Amino acid sequence: RLKPETDFCDAALVEPLACVVQGVEDSRLQSGQSVLVIGAGHVGKAVVHLARWLGFYVVVNDDRPEFCNPQAVPGADQYLPGLVMVDPRRGKRSRTLVEVLETFRSCVLLGVNR
């Protein structure tokens, strides 16, 4: 529970940050693994920062190139803009998730909604 004197803007960040920390903890990351973050929105950006802070090799993917670059999400080791799976709403297909994951031998996948 937040204290009554907690600033509204600070309080608004608690839930998304808690989701990021919980997701990273639930993934049971181990030293030497890579992290593939799918979705480079505000939550994905936070996952990237936390994973880098913890010392992991971080790869970011987003189907929006303007979100998947060093200016939008600083700190990742690699950026893979473009679709990774079929999006039935858009009728597009690019690389499959398996094709992307074949690039990484020891990878933990963290999917992030946007």
Protein backbone atom coordinates (compact mmCIF):
# COMPACT_ATOMS: atom_id res chain seq x y z
CA ARG A 1 0.00 0.00 0.00
CA LEU A 2 1.30 3.46 -0.90
CA LYS A 3 1.62 6.19 1.65
CA PRO A 4 -0.97 8.98 1.32
CA GLU A 5 1.80 11.53 0.71
CA THR A 6 3.11 9.60 -2.33
CA ASP A 7 3.12 11.81 -5.40
CA PHE A 8 0.59 10.76 -8.06
CA CYS A 9 3.25 10.60 -10.82
CA ASP A 10 5.49 8.41 -8.67
CA ALA A 11 2.56 6.16 -7.76
CA ALA A 12 1.65 5.72 -11.43
CA LEU A 13 5.05 4.10 -12.06
CA VAL A 14 4.80 1.52 -9.29
CA GLU A 15 2.57 -1.02 -11.07
CA PRO A 16 4.46 -1.14 -14.40
CA LEU A 17 7.79 -1.32 -12.60
CA ALA A 18 6.49 -4.10 -10.33
CA CYS A 19 5.44 -6.04 -13.45
CA VAL A 20 8.92 -5.66 -14.92
CA VAL A 21 10.67 -6.84 -11.77
CA GLN A 22 8.25 -9.75 -11.37
CA GLY A 23 8.72 -10.80 -15.01
CA VAL A 24 12.49 -10.78 -14.74
CA GLU A 25 12.35 -12.70 -11.44
CA ASP A 26 9.89 -15.26 -12.86
CA SER A 27 12.14 -15.89 -15.87
CA ARG A 28 14.86 -17.27 -13.56
CA LEU A 29 17.63 -15.67 -15.58
CA GLN A 30 21.06 -17.16 -15.13
CA SER A 31 24.46 -15.65 -15.70
CA GLY A 32 25.57 -15.85 -19.33
CA GLN A 33 22.09 -15.94 -20.83
CA SER A 34 20.71 -13.55 -23.40
CA VAL A 35 17.35 -11.85 -23.01
CA LEU A 36 15.10 -11.32 -26.02
CA VAL A 37 12.55 -8.61 -25.22
CA ILE A 38 9.64 -8.62 -27.66
CA GLY A 39 7.87 -5.29 -27.52
CA ALA A 40 9.80 -2.05 -27.07
CA GLY A 41 7.11 0.09 -25.48
CA HIS A 42 7.36 1.61 -22.02
CA VAL A 43 7.37 -1.77 -20.21
CA GLY A 44 9.79 -3.34 -22.68
CA LYS A 45 12.13 -0.39 -22.26
CA ALA A 46 12.10 -0.92 -18.49
CA VAL A 47 12.85 -4.65 -18.97
CA VAL A 48 15.83 -3.73 -21.17
CA HIS A 49 17.22 -1.37 -18.54
CA LEU A 50 16.79 -3.88 -15.71
CA ALA A 51 18.28 -6.77 -17.70
CA ARG A 52 21.29 -4.66 -18.69
CA TRP A 53 21.74 -3.50 -15.10
CA LEU A 54 21.79 -7.16 -14.07
CA GLY A 55 24.52 -7.82 -16.67
CA PHE A 56 22.67 -9.77 -19.37
CA TYR A 57 23.08 -9.55 -23.14
CA VAL A 58 19.86 -7.87 -24.25
CA VAL A 59 18.19 -8.13 -27.66
CA VAL A 60 15.11 -6.01 -28.45
CA ASN A 61 12.44 -6.77 -31.05
CA ASP A 62 9.47 -4.67 -32.09
CA ASP A 63 7.50 -4.56 -35.32
CA ARG A 64 7.71 -0.75 -35.20
CA PRO A 65 11.20 0.33 -36.34
CA GLU A 66 10.78 3.71 -34.65
CA PHE A 67 10.61 1.88 -31.30
CA CYS A 68 13.37 -0.65 -31.98
CA ASN A 69 16.53 1.42 -32.13
CA PRO A 70 19.18 2.82 -29.77
CA GLN A 71 17.54 6.24 -29.62
CA ALA A 72 14.17 4.85 -28.49
CA VAL A 73 15.52 2.07 -26.25
CA PRO A 74 19.06 2.85 -25.19
CA GLY A 75 21.20 0.18 -23.64
CA ALA A 76 20.29 -2.95 -25.59
CA ASP A 77 23.11 -4.92 -27.19
CA GLN A 78 21.19 -5.73 -30.36
CA TYR A 79 18.05 -4.48 -32.13
CA LEU A 80 15.84 -6.64 -34.37
CA PRO A 81 13.17 -4.42 -35.87
CA GLY A 82 10.40 -6.11 -37.79
CA LEU A 83 7.75 -8.70 -37.25
CA VAL A 84 8.65 -11.90 -35.49
CA MET A 85 5.36 -13.76 -35.86
CA VAL A 86 2.20 -13.69 -37.89
CA ASP A 87 -0.12 -10.88 -36.86
CA PRO A 88 -3.58 -11.95 -38.04
CA ARG A 89 -4.95 -8.42 -37.56
CA ARG A 90 -2.45 -7.08 -40.07
CA GLY A 91 -2.03 -10.14 -42.25
CA LYS A 92 1.76 -9.80 -42.20
CA ARG A 93 4.49 -12.36 -41.69
CA SER A 94 8.20 -11.97 -41.33
CA ARG A 95 10.68 -14.02 -39.37
CA THR A 96 9.16 -16.65 -37.12
CA LEU A 97 10.01 -16.74 -33.46
CA VAL A 98 11.89 -20.01 -34.01
CA GLU A 99 13.99 -18.39 -36.73
CA VAL A 100 14.90 -15.54 -34.41
CA LEU A 101 15.63 -17.78 -31.43
CA GLU A 102 17.91 -20.02 -33.53
CA THR A 103 20.30 -17.05 -33.53
CA PHE A 104 20.68 -17.26 -29.77
CA ARG A 105 21.83 -20.39 -28.00
CA SER A 106 21.06 -19.47 -24.41
CA CYS A 107 18.15 -17.10 -24.52
CA VAL A 108 15.31 -16.21 -22.18
CA LEU A 109 12.30 -14.81 -23.97
CA LEU A 110 10.40 -11.99 -22.30
CA GLY A 111 7.26 -11.01 -24.20
CA VAL A 112 5.94 -7.58 -23.32
CA ASN A 113 2.54 -6.25 -24.30
CA ARG A 114 2.41 -2.77 -25.66
